[in-house]
Amino acid sequence: MHLSAAANLLALAYLSILSKGYAVQVEGGLMVAVRGADRFSADGPVELLGVIAVAETRGENWQATDEEIDDFLSRFG
């Protein structure tokens, strides 16, 4: 499989967010997904799905450690 973040993924990302049980709305120019006490926002549906994925993967301790940041920067910075 090969997917790229492009216009043809906008509706699919939105539908994926809905399938996870989030209500989606636009507030102040940002797309916002809300489910229970969880609230995530981003510029568009692809980015919003990414923010949700970070929360699902990392949980409440989502912040990167200094070591993780350094590793990332040494590889991609």
Protein backbone atom coordinates (compact mmCIF):
# COMPACT_ATOMS: atom_id res chain seq x y z
CA MET A 1 0.00 0.00 0.00
CA HIS A 2 1.13 3.55 -0.67
CA LEU A 3 -0.74 6.66 0.52
CA SER A 4 0.36 10.27 0.47
CA ALA A 5 -1.13 13.25 2.27
CA ALA A 6 -3.00 14.88 -0.59
CA ALA A 7 -6.42 16.32 -1.33
CA ASN A 8 -7.86 12.88 -2.06
CA LEU A 9 -7.29 11.90 1.60
CA LEU A 10 -9.22 14.79 3.16
CA ALA A 11 -12.63 13.12 3.15
CA LEU A 12 -11.12 9.74 4.06
CA ALA A 13 -9.32 11.22 7.08
CA TYR A 14 -12.56 12.89 8.17
CA LEU A 15 -14.45 9.60 7.83
CA SER A 16 -11.73 7.81 9.81
CA ILE A 17 -12.11 10.32 12.63
CA LEU A 18 -15.87 9.81 12.64
CA SER A 19 -15.40 6.03 12.70
CA LYS A 20 -13.38 6.43 15.91
CA GLY A 21 -16.44 7.97 17.53
CA TYR A 22 -15.46 11.66 17.44
CA ALA A 23 -17.79 14.53 16.69
CA VAL A 24 -16.07 16.99 14.33
CA GLN A 25 -16.65 20.72 14.09
CA VAL A 26 -14.81 23.85 12.99
CA GLU A 27 -13.91 26.44 15.62
CA GLY A 28 -11.89 29.56 14.90
CA GLY A 29 -10.58 28.12 11.64
CA LEU A 30 -9.43 24.84 13.24
CA MET A 31 -10.99 21.43 12.83
CA VAL A 32 -11.83 20.03 16.26
CA ALA A 33 -12.61 16.42 17.20
CA VAL A 34 -14.40 15.74 20.49
CA ARG A 35 -15.16 12.41 22.15
CA GLY A 36 -16.08 12.47 25.82
CA ALA A 37 -13.42 14.46 27.68
CA ASP A 38 -10.96 14.19 24.76
CA ARG A 39 -10.59 17.21 22.48
CA PHE A 40 -8.09 17.52 19.63
CA SER A 41 -7.58 20.25 17.04
CA ALA A 42 -5.58 20.82 13.87
CA ASP A 43 -5.62 22.74 10.60
CA GLY A 44 -7.35 19.96 8.64
CA PRO A 45 -8.56 16.38 8.76
CA VAL A 46 -5.26 14.68 7.85
CA GLU A 47 -3.40 16.61 10.54
CA LEU A 48 -6.25 16.03 13.00
CA LEU A 49 -6.13 12.29 12.41
CA GLY A 50 -2.39 12.47 13.10
CA VAL A 51 -2.95 14.31 16.39
CA ILE A 52 -5.48 11.66 17.41
CA ALA A 53 -2.99 8.92 16.48
CA VAL A 54 -0.35 10.56 18.70
CA ALA A 55 -2.81 10.62 21.60
CA GLU A 56 -3.76 6.98 21.00
CA THR A 57 -0.13 5.91 20.77
CA ARG A 58 1.43 8.01 23.54
CA GLY A 59 -1.50 8.57 25.90
CA GLU A 60 -1.42 11.18 28.65
CA ASN A 61 2.38 11.22 28.55
CA TRP A 62 2.46 12.31 24.91
CA GLN A 63 5.33 14.78 25.26
CA ALA A 64 8.63 13.69 23.72
CA THR A 65 11.62 13.36 26.01
CA ASP A 66 14.78 15.36 25.39
CA GLU A 67 16.42 12.17 24.13
CA GLU A 68 13.58 11.49 21.70
CA ILE A 69 13.79 15.05 20.39
CA ASP A 70 17.57 14.81 20.00
CA ASP A 71 17.22 11.48 18.16
CA PHE A 72 14.63 13.00 15.83
CA LEU A 73 16.71 16.10 15.13
CA SER A 74 19.86 14.08 14.47
CA ARG A 75 17.97 12.01 11.93
CA PHE A 76 15.75 14.60 10.23
CA GLY A 77 16.93 18.04 11.41
